[in-house]
Amino acid sequence: MQPTTPNWRTSSYTGTENCIEVADNDPTKVMVRDTKARDRGPVAVQRDSWTAFVGYARQR
């Protein structure tokens, strides 16, 4: 099985600073990275944890 190449995207709320990119095309994890420090690499988060985080953030 070939590894999935991340399909990075930014939020529609992204401004010019403090931005993140998310790649969610892997069935088991979501990758998150800082747009100002892409060379540091992404953080991988389990898909169910990311879904819970986004649901919580939407309520705020």
PDB file of N, CA and C in Angstrom:
ATOM      1  N   MET A   1       0.841  -1.183   0.000  1.00  0.00           N
ATOM      2  CA  MET A   1       0.000   0.000   0.000  1.00  0.00           C
ATOM      3  C   MET A   1       0.886   1.245   0.000  1.00  0.00           C
ATOM      4  N   GLN A   2       0.612   2.174  -0.876  1.00  0.00           N
ATOM      5  CA  GLN A   2       1.366   3.415  -0.985  1.00  0.00           C
ATOM      6  C   GLN A   2       0.963   4.387   0.116  1.00  0.00           C
ATOM      7  N   PRO A   3       1.947   5.088   0.715  1.00  0.00           N
ATOM      8  CA  PRO A   3       1.575   6.122   1.680  1.00  0.00           C
ATOM      9  C   PRO A   3       0.792   7.239   0.996  1.00  0.00           C
ATOM     10  N   THR A   4      -0.115   7.821   1.736  1.00  0.00           N
ATOM     11  CA  THR A   4      -0.918   8.915   1.209  1.00  0.00           C
ATOM     12  C   THR A   4      -0.109  10.201   1.229  1.00  0.00           C
ATOM     13  N   THR A   5      -0.056  10.899   0.107  1.00  0.00           N
ATOM     14  CA  THR A   5       0.602  12.196   0.053  1.00  0.00           C
ATOM     15  C   THR A   5      -0.338  13.229   0.645  1.00  0.00           C
ATOM     16  N   PRO A   6       0.126  13.987   1.655  1.00  0.00           N
ATOM     17  CA  PRO A   6      -0.760  14.972   2.279  1.00  0.00           C
ATOM     18  C   PRO A   6      -1.273  16.007   1.288  1.00  0.00           C
ATOM     19  N   ASN A   7      -2.538  16.309   1.384  1.00  0.00           N
ATOM     20  CA  ASN A   7      -3.181  17.347   0.588  1.00  0.00           C
ATOM     21  C   ASN A   7      -3.438  18.519   1.543  1.00  0.00           C
ATOM     22  N   TRP A   8      -2.473  19.429   1.647  1.00  0.00           N
ATOM     23  CA  TRP A   8      -2.528  20.512   2.626  1.00  0.00           C
ATOM     24  C   TRP A   8      -3.525  21.586   2.227  1.00  0.00           C
ATOM     25  N   ARG A   9      -4.261  22.093   3.230  1.00  0.00           N
ATOM     26  CA  ARG A   9      -5.178  23.209   3.012  1.00  0.00           C
ATOM     27  C   ARG A   9      -5.178  24.084   4.254  1.00  0.00           C
ATOM     28  N   THR A  10      -5.584  25.321   4.075  1.00  0.00           N
ATOM     29  CA  THR A  10      -5.688  26.252   5.195  1.00  0.00           C
ATOM     30  C   THR A  10      -7.155  26.606   5.417  1.00  0.00           C
ATOM     31  N   SER A  11      -7.445  27.091   6.583  1.00  0.00           N
ATOM     32  CA  SER A  11      -8.805  27.492   6.918  1.00  0.00           C
ATOM     33  C   SER A  11      -9.200  28.731   6.134  1.00  0.00           C
ATOM     34  N   SER A  12     -10.482  28.869   5.882  1.00  0.00           N
ATOM     35  CA  SER A  12     -10.973  30.086   5.239  1.00  0.00           C
ATOM     36  C   SER A  12     -10.851  31.278   6.175  1.00  0.00           C
ATOM     37  N   TYR A  13     -10.619  31.037   7.462  1.00  0.00           N
ATOM     38  CA  TYR A  13     -10.434  32.102   8.452  1.00  0.00           C
ATOM     39  C   TYR A  13      -8.973  32.533   8.565  1.00  0.00           C
ATOM     40  N   THR A  14      -8.093  31.902   7.803  1.00  0.00           N
ATOM     41  CA  THR A  14      -6.668  32.186   7.903  1.00  0.00           C
ATOM     42  C   THR A  14      -6.372  33.620   7.483  1.00  0.00           C
ATOM     43  N   GLY A  15      -5.581  34.275   8.305  1.00  0.00           N
ATOM     44  CA  GLY A  15      -5.124  35.628   7.995  1.00  0.00           C
ATOM     45  C   GLY A  15      -3.686  35.574   7.512  1.00  0.00           C
ATOM     46  N   THR A  16      -2.909  36.561   7.869  1.00  0.00           N
ATOM     47  CA  THR A  16      -1.518  36.610   7.428  1.00  0.00           C
ATOM     48  C   THR A  16      -0.556  36.085   8.483  1.00  0.00           C
ATOM     49  N   GLU A  17      -1.028  35.877   9.716  1.00  0.00           N
ATOM     50  CA  GLU A  17      -0.181  35.379  10.794  1.00  0.00           C
ATOM     51  C   GLU A  17      -0.890  34.257  11.544  1.00  0.00           C
ATOM     52  N   ASN A  18      -0.106  33.491  12.284  1.00  0.00           N
ATOM     53  CA  ASN A  18      -0.633  32.434  13.147  1.00  0.00           C
ATOM     54  C   ASN A  18      -1.539  31.463  12.402  1.00  0.00           C
ATOM     55  N   CYS A  19      -1.050  30.931  11.300  1.00  0.00           N
ATOM     56  CA  CYS A  19      -1.841  30.036  10.464  1.00  0.00           C
ATOM     57  C   CYS A  19      -1.377  28.594  10.610  1.00  0.00           C
ATOM     58  N   ILE A  20      -2.313  27.687  10.428  1.00  0.00           N
ATOM     59  CA  ILE A  20      -1.967  26.282  10.342  1.00  0.00           C
ATOM     60  C   ILE A  20      -2.527  25.724   9.040  1.00  0.00           C
ATOM     61  N   GLU A  21      -1.944  24.618   8.633  1.00  0.00           N
ATOM     62  CA  GLU A  21      -2.446  23.867   7.492  1.00  0.00           C
ATOM     63  C   GLU A  21      -2.830  22.483   7.994  1.00  0.00           C
ATOM     64  N   VAL A  22      -3.840  21.908   7.375  1.00  0.00           N
ATOM     65  CA  VAL A  22      -4.335  20.597   7.762  1.00  0.00           C
ATOM     66  C   VAL A  22      -4.396  19.710   6.523  1.00  0.00           C
ATOM     67  N   ALA A  23      -3.966  18.479   6.684  1.00  0.00           N
ATOM     68  CA  ALA A  23      -4.110  17.465   5.634  1.00  0.00           C
ATOM     69  C   ALA A  23      -4.924  16.331   6.241  1.00  0.00           C
ATOM     70  N   ASP A  24      -6.114  16.107   5.703  1.00  0.00           N
ATOM     71  CA  ASP A  24      -6.992  15.084   6.277  1.00  0.00           C
ATOM     72  C   ASP A  24      -7.387  14.012   5.279  1.00  0.00           C
ATOM     73  N   ASN A  25      -6.512  13.758   4.315  1.00  0.00           N
ATOM     74  CA  ASN A  25      -6.842  12.753   3.307  1.00  0.00           C
ATOM     75  C   ASN A  25      -6.338  11.352   3.667  1.00  0.00           C
ATOM     76  N   ASP A  26      -5.791  11.165   4.854  1.00  0.00           N
ATOM     77  CA  ASP A  26      -5.390   9.843   5.331  1.00  0.00           C
ATOM     78  C   ASP A  26      -6.563   9.279   6.141  1.00  0.00           C
ATOM     79  N   PRO A  27      -6.924   8.016   5.958  1.00  0.00           N
ATOM     80  CA  PRO A  27      -8.099   7.482   6.654  1.00  0.00           C
ATOM     81  C   PRO A  27      -7.932   7.329   8.166  1.00  0.00           C
ATOM     82  N   THR A  28      -6.710   7.331   8.675  1.00  0.00           N
ATOM     83  CA  THR A  28      -6.508   7.081  10.101  1.00  0.00           C
ATOM     84  C   THR A  28      -6.016   8.286  10.892  1.00  0.00           C
ATOM     85  N   LYS A  29      -5.480   9.301  10.224  1.00  0.00           N
ATOM     86  CA  LYS A  29      -4.908  10.430  10.952  1.00  0.00           C
ATOM     87  C   LYS A  29      -5.108  11.738  10.204  1.00  0.00           C
ATOM     88  N   VAL A  30      -4.946  12.817  10.947  1.00  0.00           N
ATOM     89  CA  VAL A  30      -4.980  14.168  10.392  1.00  0.00           C
ATOM     90  C   VAL A  30      -3.621  14.786  10.696  1.00  0.00           C
ATOM     91  N   MET A  31      -3.040  15.426   9.707  1.00  0.00           N
ATOM     92  CA  MET A  31      -1.735  16.069   9.882  1.00  0.00           C
ATOM     93  C   MET A  31      -1.955  17.570  10.020  1.00  0.00           C
ATOM     94  N   VAL A  32      -1.221  18.196  10.942  1.00  0.00           N
ATOM     95  CA  VAL A  32      -1.335  19.624  11.200  1.00  0.00           C
ATOM     96  C   VAL A  32       0.069  20.201  11.209  1.00  0.00           C
ATOM     97  N   ARG A  33       0.250  21.368  10.558  1.00  0.00           N
ATOM     98  CA  ARG A  33       1.565  22.017  10.580  1.00  0.00           C
ATOM     99  C   ARG A  33       1.408  23.530  10.597  1.00  0.00           C
ATOM    100  N   ASP A  34       2.435  24.185  11.083  1.00  0.00           N
ATOM    101  CA  ASP A  34       2.499  25.637  11.166  1.00  0.00           C
ATOM    102  C   ASP A  34       2.994  26.170   9.822  1.00  0.00           C
ATOM    103  N   THR A  35       2.284  27.119   9.236  1.00  0.00           N
ATOM    104  CA  THR A  35       2.681  27.641   7.932  1.00  0.00           C
ATOM    105  C   THR A  35       3.991  28.418   7.991  1.00  0.00           C
ATOM    106  N   LYS A  36       4.347  28.920   9.167  1.00  0.00           N
ATOM    107  CA  LYS A  36       5.596  29.675   9.299  1.00  0.00           C
ATOM    108  C   LYS A  36       6.779  28.767   9.581  1.00  0.00           C
ATOM    109  N   ALA A  37       6.538  27.493   9.846  1.00  0.00           N
ATOM    110  CA  ALA A  37       7.618  26.565  10.189  1.00  0.00           C
ATOM    111  C   ALA A  37       7.380  25.203   9.555  1.00  0.00           C
ATOM    112  N   ARG A  38       7.092  25.203   8.281  1.00  0.00           N
ATOM    113  CA  ARG A  38       6.811  23.939   7.576  1.00  0.00           C
ATOM    114  C   ARG A  38       7.972  22.963   7.655  1.00  0.00           C
ATOM    115  N   ASP A  39       9.184  23.479   7.731  1.00  0.00           N
ATOM    116  CA  ASP A  39      10.364  22.618   7.780  1.00  0.00           C
ATOM    117  C   ASP A  39      10.453  21.821   9.077  1.00  0.00           C
ATOM    118  N   ARG A  40       9.710  22.193  10.098  1.00  0.00           N
ATOM    119  CA  ARG A  40       9.699  21.436  11.352  1.00  0.00           C
ATOM    120  C   ARG A  40       8.874  20.164  11.239  1.00  0.00           C
ATOM    121  N   GLY A  41       8.056  20.089  10.202  1.00  0.00           N
ATOM    122  CA  GLY A  41       7.246  18.903   9.993  1.00  0.00           C
ATOM    123  C   GLY A  41       5.892  18.997  10.666  1.00  0.00           C
ATOM    124  N   PRO A  42       5.008  18.092  10.309  1.00  0.00           N
ATOM    125  CA  PRO A  42       3.646  18.111  10.846  1.00  0.00           C
ATOM    126  C   PRO A  42       3.523  17.311  12.141  1.00  0.00           C
ATOM    127  N   VAL A  43       2.411  17.521  12.795  1.00  0.00           N
ATOM    128  CA  VAL A  43       2.007  16.717  13.942  1.00  0.00           C
ATOM    129  C   VAL A  43       0.868  15.830  13.455  1.00  0.00           C
ATOM    130  N   ALA A  44       0.954  14.551  13.732  1.00  0.00           N
ATOM    131  CA  ALA A  44      -0.108  13.622  13.346  1.00  0.00           C
ATOM    132  C   ALA A  44      -1.053  13.427  14.527  1.00  0.00           C
ATOM    133  N   VAL A  45      -2.350  13.520  14.254  1.00  0.00           N
ATOM    134  CA  VAL A  45      -3.387  13.380  15.272  1.00  0.00           C
ATOM    135  C   VAL A  45      -4.351  12.288  14.819  1.00  0.00           C
ATOM    136  N   GLN A  46      -4.751  11.425  15.742  1.00  0.00           N
ATOM    137  CA  GLN A  46      -5.736  10.405  15.394  1.00  0.00           C
ATOM    138  C   GLN A  46      -7.008  11.083  14.904  1.00  0.00           C
ATOM    139  N   ARG A  47      -7.626  10.525  13.886  1.00  0.00           N
ATOM    140  CA  ARG A  47      -8.802  11.131  13.259  1.00  0.00           C
ATOM    141  C   ARG A  47      -9.936  11.381  14.259  1.00  0.00           C
ATOM    142  N   ASP A  48     -10.219  10.453  15.148  1.00  0.00           N
ATOM    143  CA  ASP A  48     -11.310  10.667  16.097  1.00  0.00           C
ATOM    144  C   ASP A  48     -10.996  11.788  17.089  1.00  0.00           C
ATOM    145  N   SER A  49      -9.737  11.949  17.449  1.00  0.00           N
ATOM    146  CA  SER A  49      -9.339  13.049  18.335  1.00  0.00           C
ATOM    147  C   SER A  49      -9.496  14.390  17.627  1.00  0.00           C
ATOM    148  N   TRP A  50      -9.124  14.448  16.359  1.00  0.00           N
ATOM    149  CA  TRP A  50      -9.267  15.690  15.583  1.00  0.00           C
ATOM    150  C   TRP A  50     -10.743  16.057  15.433  1.00  0.00           C
ATOM    151  N   THR A  51     -11.573  15.067  15.151  1.00  0.00           N
ATOM    152  CA  THR A  51     -13.004  15.310  15.005  1.00  0.00           C
ATOM    153  C   THR A  51     -13.583  15.875  16.305  1.00  0.00           C
ATOM    154  N   ALA A  52     -13.171  15.326  17.441  1.00  0.00           N
ATOM    155  CA  ALA A  52     -13.641  15.825  18.735  1.00  0.00           C
ATOM    156  C   ALA A  52     -13.155  17.262  18.963  1.00  0.00           C
ATOM    157  N   PHE A  53     -11.906  17.539  18.624  1.00  0.00           N
ATOM    158  CA  PHE A  53     -11.353  18.888  18.791  1.00  0.00           C
ATOM    159  C   PHE A  53     -12.116  19.902  17.942  1.00  0.00           C
ATOM    160  N   VAL A  54     -12.343  19.592  16.681  1.00  0.00           N
ATOM    161  CA  VAL A  54     -13.051  20.519  15.791  1.00  0.00           C
ATOM    162  C   VAL A  54     -14.479  20.734  16.278  1.00  0.00           C
ATOM    163  N   GLY A  55     -15.140  19.671  16.726  1.00  0.00           N
ATOM    164  CA  GLY A  55     -16.488  19.824  17.266  1.00  0.00           C
ATOM    165  C   GLY A  55     -16.511  20.740  18.471  1.00  0.00           C
ATOM    166  N   TYR A  56     -15.524  20.606  19.346  1.00  0.00           N
ATOM    167  CA  TYR A  56     -15.422  21.460  20.521  1.00  0.00           C
ATOM    168  C   TYR A  56     -15.157  22.915  20.100  1.00  0.00           C
ATOM    169  N   ALA A  57     -14.247  23.105  19.171  1.00  0.00           N
ATOM    170  CA  ALA A  57     -13.892  24.462  18.719  1.00  0.00           C
ATOM    171  C   ALA A  57     -15.079  25.152  18.070  1.00  0.00           C
ATOM    172  N   ARG A  58     -15.883  24.421  17.346  1.00  0.00           N
ATOM    173  CA  ARG A  58     -17.069  25.027  16.695  1.00  0.00           C
ATOM    174  C   ARG A  58     -18.083  25.532  17.695  1.00  0.00           C
ATOM    175  N   GLN A  59     -18.109  24.950  18.877  1.00  0.00           N
ATOM    176  CA  GLN A  59     -19.050  25.372  19.910  1.00  0.00           C
ATOM    177  C   GLN A  59     -18.608  26.658  20.602  1.00  0.00           C
ATOM    178  N   ARG A  60     -17.381  27.063  20.430  1.00  0.00           N
ATOM    179  CA  ARG A  60     -16.834  28.234  21.121  1.00  0.00           C
ATOM    180  C   ARG A  60     -17.067  29.480  20.354  1.00  0.00           C
TER     181      ARG A  60
END
